[in-house]
PDB file of N, CA and C in Angstrom:
ATOM      1  N   UNK A   1       4.264 -15.904  51.395  1.00  0.00           N
ATOM      2  CA  UNK A   1       4.167 -15.941  49.956  1.00  0.00           C
ATOM      3  C   UNK A   1       3.050 -15.036  49.451  1.00  0.00           C
ATOM      4  N   UNK A   2       2.049 -14.780  50.288  1.00  0.00           N
ATOM      5  CA  UNK A   2       0.976 -13.887  49.874  1.00  0.00           C
ATOM      6  C   UNK A   2       1.534 -12.490  49.607  1.00  0.00           C
ATOM      7  N   UNK A   3       2.505 -12.074  50.418  1.00  0.00           N
ATOM      8  CA  UNK A   3       3.125 -10.759  50.238  1.00  0.00           C
ATOM      9  C   UNK A   3       3.824 -10.673  48.881  1.00  0.00           C
ATOM     10  N   UNK A   4       4.555 -11.711  48.517  1.00  0.00           N
ATOM     11  CA  UNK A   4       5.261 -11.732  47.232  1.00  0.00           C
ATOM     12  C   UNK A   4       4.257 -11.681  46.082  1.00  0.00           C
ATOM     13  N   UNK A   5       3.157 -12.397  46.220  1.00  0.00           N
ATOM     14  CA  UNK A   5       2.133 -12.381  45.179  1.00  0.00           C
ATOM     15  C   UNK A   5       1.510 -10.994  45.048  1.00  0.00           C
ATOM     16  N   UNK A   6       1.227 -10.351  46.163  1.00  0.00           N
ATOM     17  CA  UNK A   6       0.629  -9.020  46.148  1.00  0.00           C
ATOM     18  C   UNK A   6       1.574  -8.014  45.502  1.00  0.00           C
ATOM     19  N   UNK A   7       2.842  -8.048  45.884  1.00  0.00           N
ATOM     20  CA  UNK A   7       3.826  -7.124  45.313  1.00  0.00           C
ATOM     21  C   UNK A   7       3.979  -7.374  43.823  1.00  0.00           C
ATOM     22  N   UNK A   8       4.063  -8.645  43.418  1.00  0.00           N
ATOM     23  CA  UNK A   8       4.229  -8.941  41.998  1.00  0.00           C
ATOM     24  C   UNK A   8       2.994  -8.526  41.202  1.00  0.00           C
ATOM     25  N   UNK A   9       1.817  -8.683  41.777  1.00  0.00           N
ATOM     26  CA  UNK A   9       0.597  -8.259  41.098  1.00  0.00           C
ATOM     27  C   UNK A   9       0.587  -6.744  40.887  1.00  0.00           C
ATOM     28  N   UNK A  10       0.970  -5.999  41.905  1.00  0.00           N
ATOM     29  CA  UNK A  10       1.021  -4.533  41.796  1.00  0.00           C
ATOM     30  C   UNK A  10       2.042  -4.118  40.736  1.00  0.00           C
ATOM     31  N   UNK A  11       3.217  -4.742  40.756  1.00  0.00           N
ATOM     32  CA  UNK A  11       4.237  -4.422  39.759  1.00  0.00           C
ATOM     33  C   UNK A  11       3.761  -4.738  38.346  1.00  0.00           C
ATOM     34  N   UNK A  12       3.068  -5.858  38.182  1.00  0.00           N
ATOM     35  CA  UNK A  12       2.564  -6.206  36.857  1.00  0.00           C
ATOM     36  C   UNK A  12       1.474  -5.242  36.409  1.00  0.00           C
ATOM     37  N   UNK A  13       0.639  -4.802  37.326  1.00  0.00           N
ATOM     38  CA  UNK A  13      -0.401  -3.830  36.986  1.00  0.00           C
ATOM     39  C   UNK A  13       0.224  -2.507  36.555  1.00  0.00           C
ATOM     40  N   UNK A  14       1.188  -2.030  37.326  1.00  0.00           N
ATOM     41  CA  UNK A  14       1.875  -0.775  36.985  1.00  0.00           C
ATOM     42  C   UNK A  14       2.598  -0.914  35.650  1.00  0.00           C
ATOM     43  N   UNK A  15       3.314  -2.011  35.474  1.00  0.00           N
ATOM     44  CA  UNK A  15       4.042  -2.238  34.232  1.00  0.00           C
ATOM     45  C   UNK A  15       3.117  -2.357  33.034  1.00  0.00           C
ATOM     46  N   UNK A  16       2.018  -3.059  33.210  1.00  0.00           N
ATOM     47  CA  UNK A  16       1.055  -3.206  32.118  1.00  0.00           C
ATOM     48  C   UNK A  16       0.430  -1.885  31.720  1.00  0.00           C
ATOM     49  N   UNK A  17       0.053  -1.094  32.711  1.00  0.00           N
ATOM     50  CA  UNK A  17      -0.511   0.222  32.415  1.00  0.00           C
ATOM     51  C   UNK A  17       0.520   1.122  31.739  1.00  0.00           C
ATOM     52  N   UNK A  18       1.751   1.078  32.231  1.00  0.00           N
ATOM     53  CA  UNK A  18       2.807   1.905  31.641  1.00  0.00           C
ATOM     54  C   UNK A  18       3.056   1.520  30.192  1.00  0.00           C
ATOM     55  N   UNK A  19       3.112   0.226  29.894  1.00  0.00           N
ATOM     56  CA  UNK A  19       3.334  -0.215  28.516  1.00  0.00           C
ATOM     57  C   UNK A  19       2.129   0.104  27.643  1.00  0.00           C
ATOM     58  N   UNK A  20       0.931   0.024  28.205  1.00  0.00           N
ATOM     59  CA  UNK A  20      -0.270   0.381  27.455  1.00  0.00           C
ATOM     60  C   UNK A  20      -0.267   1.846  27.053  1.00  0.00           C
ATOM     61  N   UNK A  21       0.082   2.701  27.998  1.00  0.00           N
ATOM     62  CA  UNK A  21       0.169   4.133  27.704  1.00  0.00           C
ATOM     63  C   UNK A  21       1.263   4.397  26.684  1.00  0.00           C
ATOM     64  N   UNK A  22       2.394   3.719  26.844  1.00  0.00           N
ATOM     65  CA  UNK A  22       3.486   3.882  25.887  1.00  0.00           C
ATOM     66  C   UNK A  22       3.054   3.444  24.480  1.00  0.00           C
ATOM     67  N   UNK A  23       2.350   2.333  24.415  1.00  0.00           N
ATOM     68  CA  UNK A  23       1.888   1.835  23.119  1.00  0.00           C
ATOM     69  C   UNK A  23       0.854   2.742  22.470  1.00  0.00           C
ATOM     70  N   UNK A  24      -0.007   3.335  23.278  1.00  0.00           N
ATOM     71  CA  UNK A  24      -1.059   4.196  22.733  1.00  0.00           C
ATOM     72  C   UNK A  24      -0.555   5.571  22.310  1.00  0.00           C
ATOM     73  N   UNK A  25       0.221   6.203  23.179  1.00  0.00           N
ATOM     74  CA  UNK A  25       0.602   7.594  22.900  1.00  0.00           C
ATOM     75  C   UNK A  25       2.107   7.838  22.903  1.00  0.00           C
ATOM     76  N   UNK A  26       2.897   6.792  23.129  1.00  0.00           N
ATOM     77  CA  UNK A  26       4.350   6.943  23.068  1.00  0.00           C
ATOM     78  C   UNK A  26       4.964   7.642  24.260  1.00  0.00           C
ATOM     79  N   UNK A  27       4.257   7.679  25.388  1.00  0.00           N
ATOM     80  CA  UNK A  27       4.760   8.341  26.592  1.00  0.00           C
ATOM     81  C   UNK A  27       5.199   7.293  27.603  1.00  0.00           C
ATOM     82  N   UNK A  28       6.448   7.320  28.010  1.00  0.00           N
ATOM     83  CA  UNK A  28       6.960   6.424  29.047  1.00  0.00           C
ATOM     84  C   UNK A  28       6.740   7.106  30.393  1.00  0.00           C
ATOM     85  N   UNK A  29       5.621   6.778  31.042  1.00  0.00           N
ATOM     86  CA  UNK A  29       5.252   7.467  32.278  1.00  0.00           C
ATOM     87  C   UNK A  29       6.198   7.156  33.433  1.00  0.00           C
ATOM     88  N   UNK A  30       6.725   5.943  33.475  1.00  0.00           N
ATOM     89  CA  UNK A  30       7.656   5.588  34.553  1.00  0.00           C
ATOM     90  C   UNK A  30       8.912   6.446  34.434  1.00  0.00           C
ATOM     91  N   UNK A  31       9.444   6.558  33.236  1.00  0.00           N
ATOM     92  CA  UNK A  31      10.625   7.390  32.997  1.00  0.00           C
ATOM     93  C   UNK A  31      10.308   8.856  33.283  1.00  0.00           C
ATOM     94  N   UNK A  32       9.135   9.310  32.852  1.00  0.00           N
ATOM     95  CA  UNK A  32       8.755  10.710  33.046  1.00  0.00           C
ATOM     96  C   UNK A  32       8.680  11.089  34.519  1.00  0.00           C
ATOM     97  N   UNK A  33       8.164  10.192  35.352  1.00  0.00           N
ATOM     98  CA  UNK A  33       8.003  10.491  36.774  1.00  0.00           C
ATOM     99  C   UNK A  33       9.235  10.179  37.616  1.00  0.00           C
ATOM    100  N   UNK A  34       9.989   9.144  37.232  1.00  0.00           N
ATOM    101  CA  UNK A  34      11.061   8.666  38.098  1.00  0.00           C
ATOM    102  C   UNK A  34      12.472   8.885  37.563  1.00  0.00           C
ATOM    103  N   UNK A  35      12.613   9.186  36.304  1.00  0.00           N
ATOM    104  CA  UNK A  35      13.940   9.355  35.732  1.00  0.00           C
ATOM    105  C   UNK A  35      14.484   8.043  35.206  1.00  0.00           C
ATOM    106  N   UNK A  36      15.588   8.146  34.471  1.00  0.00           N
ATOM    107  CA  UNK A  36      16.136   6.995  33.752  1.00  0.00           C
ATOM    108  C   UNK A  36      16.592   5.858  34.664  1.00  0.00           C
ATOM    109  N   UNK A  37      17.356   6.168  35.692  1.00  0.00           N
ATOM    110  CA  UNK A  37      17.920   5.116  36.551  1.00  0.00           C
ATOM    111  C   UNK A  37      16.838   4.356  37.300  1.00  0.00           C
ATOM    112  N   UNK A  38      15.919   5.077  37.896  1.00  0.00           N
ATOM    113  CA  UNK A  38      14.855   4.425  38.666  1.00  0.00           C
ATOM    114  C   UNK A  38      13.893   3.697  37.735  1.00  0.00           C
ATOM    115  N   UNK A  39      13.625   4.263  36.566  1.00  0.00           N
ATOM    116  CA  UNK A  39      12.746   3.593  35.600  1.00  0.00           C
ATOM    117  C   UNK A  39      13.327   2.243  35.201  1.00  0.00           C
ATOM    118  N   UNK A  40      14.635   2.185  35.000  1.00  0.00           N
ATOM    119  CA  UNK A  40      15.275   0.920  34.645  1.00  0.00           C
ATOM    120  C   UNK A  40      15.085  -0.110  35.754  1.00  0.00           C
ATOM    121  N   UNK A  41      15.236   0.311  36.996  1.00  0.00           N
ATOM    122  CA  UNK A  41      15.037  -0.583  38.135  1.00  0.00           C
ATOM    123  C   UNK A  41      13.589  -1.059  38.196  1.00  0.00           C
ATOM    124  N   UNK A  42      12.648  -0.144  37.991  1.00  0.00           N
ATOM    125  CA  UNK A  42      11.232  -0.510  38.008  1.00  0.00           C
ATOM    126  C   UNK A  42      10.935  -1.536  36.922  1.00  0.00           C
ATOM    127  N   UNK A  43      11.450  -1.323  35.716  1.00  0.00           N
ATOM    128  CA  UNK A  43      11.194  -2.273  34.630  1.00  0.00           C
ATOM    129  C   UNK A  43      11.848  -3.630  34.905  1.00  0.00           C
ATOM    130  N   UNK A  44      12.995  -3.647  35.543  1.00  0.00           N
ATOM    131  CA  UNK A  44      13.614  -4.919  35.933  1.00  0.00           C
ATOM    132  C   UNK A  44      12.740  -5.629  36.970  1.00  0.00           C
ATOM    133  N   UNK A  45      12.230  -4.884  37.937  1.00  0.00           N
ATOM    134  CA  UNK A  45      11.343  -5.470  38.947  1.00  0.00           C
ATOM    135  C   UNK A  45      10.049  -5.995  38.325  1.00  0.00           C
ATOM    136  N   UNK A  46       9.524  -5.299  37.344  1.00  0.00           N
ATOM    137  CA  UNK A  46       8.333  -5.778  36.634  1.00  0.00           C
ATOM    138  C   UNK A  46       8.648  -7.098  35.928  1.00  0.00           C
ATOM    139  N   UNK A  47       9.804  -7.195  35.323  1.00  0.00           N
ATOM    140  CA  UNK A  47      10.214  -8.440  34.675  1.00  0.00           C
ATOM    141  C   UNK A  47      10.358  -9.585  35.661  1.00  0.00           C
ATOM    142  N   UNK A  48      10.953  -9.317  36.807  1.00  0.00           N
ATOM    143  CA  UNK A  48      11.090 -10.333  37.859  1.00  0.00           C
ATOM    144  C   UNK A  48       9.707 -10.751  38.357  1.00  0.00           C
ATOM    145  N   UNK A  49       8.809  -9.797  38.528  1.00  0.00           N
ATOM    146  CA  UNK A  49       7.445 -10.103  38.966  1.00  0.00           C
ATOM    147  C   UNK A  49       6.732 -10.984  37.943  1.00  0.00           C
ATOM    148  N   UNK A  50       6.949 -10.714  36.661  1.00  0.00           N
ATOM    149  CA  UNK A  50       6.330 -11.531  35.618  1.00  0.00           C
ATOM    150  C   UNK A  50       6.838 -12.967  35.675  1.00  0.00           C
ATOM    151  N   UNK A  51       8.129 -13.134  35.847  1.00  0.00           N
ATOM    152  CA  UNK A  51       8.699 -14.481  35.955  1.00  0.00           C
ATOM    153  C   UNK A  51       8.122 -15.193  37.174  1.00  0.00           C
ATOM    154  N   UNK A  52       8.043 -14.495  38.306  1.00  0.00           N
ATOM    155  CA  UNK A  52       7.484 -15.076  39.530  1.00  0.00           C
ATOM    156  C   UNK A  52       6.042 -15.526  39.297  1.00  0.00           C
ATOM    157  N   UNK A  53       5.243 -14.682  38.679  1.00  0.00           N
ATOM    158  CA  UNK A  53       3.841 -15.037  38.440  1.00  0.00           C
ATOM    159  C   UNK A  53       3.717 -16.219  37.483  1.00  0.00           C
ATOM    160  N   UNK A  54       4.545 -16.269  36.462  1.00  0.00           N
ATOM    161  CA  UNK A  54       4.502 -17.386  35.519  1.00  0.00           C
ATOM    162  C   UNK A  54       4.857 -18.692  36.233  1.00  0.00           C
ATOM    163  N   UNK A  55       5.877 -18.648  37.071  1.00  0.00           N
ATOM    164  CA  UNK A  55       6.335 -19.856  37.761  1.00  0.00           C
ATOM    165  C   UNK A  55       5.333 -20.329  38.815  1.00  0.00           C
ATOM    166  N   UNK A  56       4.691 -19.401  39.525  1.00  0.00           N
ATOM    167  CA  UNK A  56       3.800 -19.785  40.620  1.00  0.00           C
ATOM    168  C   UNK A  56       2.321 -19.766  40.245  1.00  0.00           C
ATOM    169  N   UNK A  57       1.997 -19.403  39.028  1.00  0.00           N
ATOM    170  CA  UNK A  57       0.598 -19.216  38.635  1.00  0.00           C
ATOM    171  C   UNK A  57      -0.251 -20.468  38.842  1.00  0.00           C
ATOM    172  N   UNK A  58       0.196 -21.582  38.335  1.00  0.00           N
ATOM    173  CA  UNK A  58      -0.629 -22.793  38.373  1.00  0.00           C
ATOM    174  C   UNK A  58      -0.967 -23.217  39.799  1.00  0.00           C
ATOM    175  N   UNK A  59      -0.037 -23.049  40.719  1.00  0.00           N
ATOM    176  CA  UNK A  59      -0.303 -23.454  42.097  1.00  0.00           C
ATOM    177  C   UNK A  59      -1.210 -22.462  42.828  1.00  0.00           C
ATOM    178  N   UNK A  60      -1.318 -21.237  42.333  1.00  0.00           N
ATOM    179  CA  UNK A  60      -2.143 -20.216  42.986  1.00  0.00           C
ATOM    180  C   UNK A  60      -3.504 -20.012  42.333  1.00  0.00           C
ATOM    181  N   UNK A  61      -3.625 -20.329  41.065  1.00  0.00           N
ATOM    182  CA  UNK A  61      -4.846 -20.056  40.310  1.00  0.00           C
ATOM    183  C   UNK A  61      -5.861 -21.171  40.520  1.00  0.00           C
ATOM    184  N   UNK A  62      -7.040 -20.815  41.026  1.00  0.00           N
ATOM    185  CA  UNK A  62      -8.078 -21.816  41.267  1.00  0.00           C
ATOM    186  C   UNK A  62      -8.561 -22.452  39.968  1.00  0.00           C
ATOM    187  N   UNK A  63      -8.647 -21.680  38.917  1.00  0.00           N
ATOM    188  CA  UNK A  63      -9.109 -22.221  37.637  1.00  0.00           C
ATOM    189  C   UNK A  63      -8.091 -23.197  37.043  1.00  0.00           C
ATOM    190  N   UNK A  64      -6.805 -22.876  37.167  1.00  0.00           N
ATOM    191  CA  UNK A  64      -5.765 -23.729  36.580  1.00  0.00           C
ATOM    192  C   UNK A  64      -5.474 -24.972  37.414  1.00  0.00           C
ATOM    193  N   UNK A  65      -5.692 -24.886  38.716  1.00  0.00           N
ATOM    194  CA  UNK A  65      -5.375 -26.026  39.569  1.00  0.00           C
ATOM    195  C   UNK A  65      -6.569 -26.951  39.755  1.00  0.00           C
ATOM    196  N   UNK A  66      -7.701 -26.654  39.108  1.00  0.00           N
ATOM    197  CA  UNK A  66      -8.858 -27.535  39.175  1.00  0.00           C
ATOM    198  C   UNK A  66      -9.692 -27.380  40.425  1.00  0.00           C
ATOM    199  N   UNK A  67      -9.494 -26.325  41.208  1.00  0.00           N
ATOM    200  CA  UNK A  67     -10.244 -26.122  42.442  1.00  0.00           C
ATOM    201  C   UNK A  67     -11.504 -25.296  42.242  1.00  0.00           C
ATOM    202  N   UNK A  68     -11.671 -24.757  41.047  1.00  0.00           N
ATOM    203  CA  UNK A  68     -12.826 -23.910  40.782  1.00  0.00           C
ATOM    204  C   UNK A  68     -14.048 -24.784  40.522  1.00  0.00           C
ATOM    205  N   UNK A  69     -15.160 -24.432  41.129  1.00  0.00           N
ATOM    206  CA  UNK A  69     -16.385 -25.238  40.982  1.00  0.00           C
ATOM    207  C   UNK A  69     -17.104 -24.931  39.697  1.00  0.00           C
TER     208      UNK A  69
END
């Protein structure tokens, strides 16, 4: 499960940065580098990663699960 968390974190970081750049200057960097078909797949994977993180967050987060001192 650590692998899934790591992959989802990377996808969310890439997706967040891409949306930030798009919001600031209107440039879709994923589309620019990878093309339309691959960009669509990347954005779908980012969405799946977001759902995974939302569903598993409470069990993984020390602050949310009460384990933080």
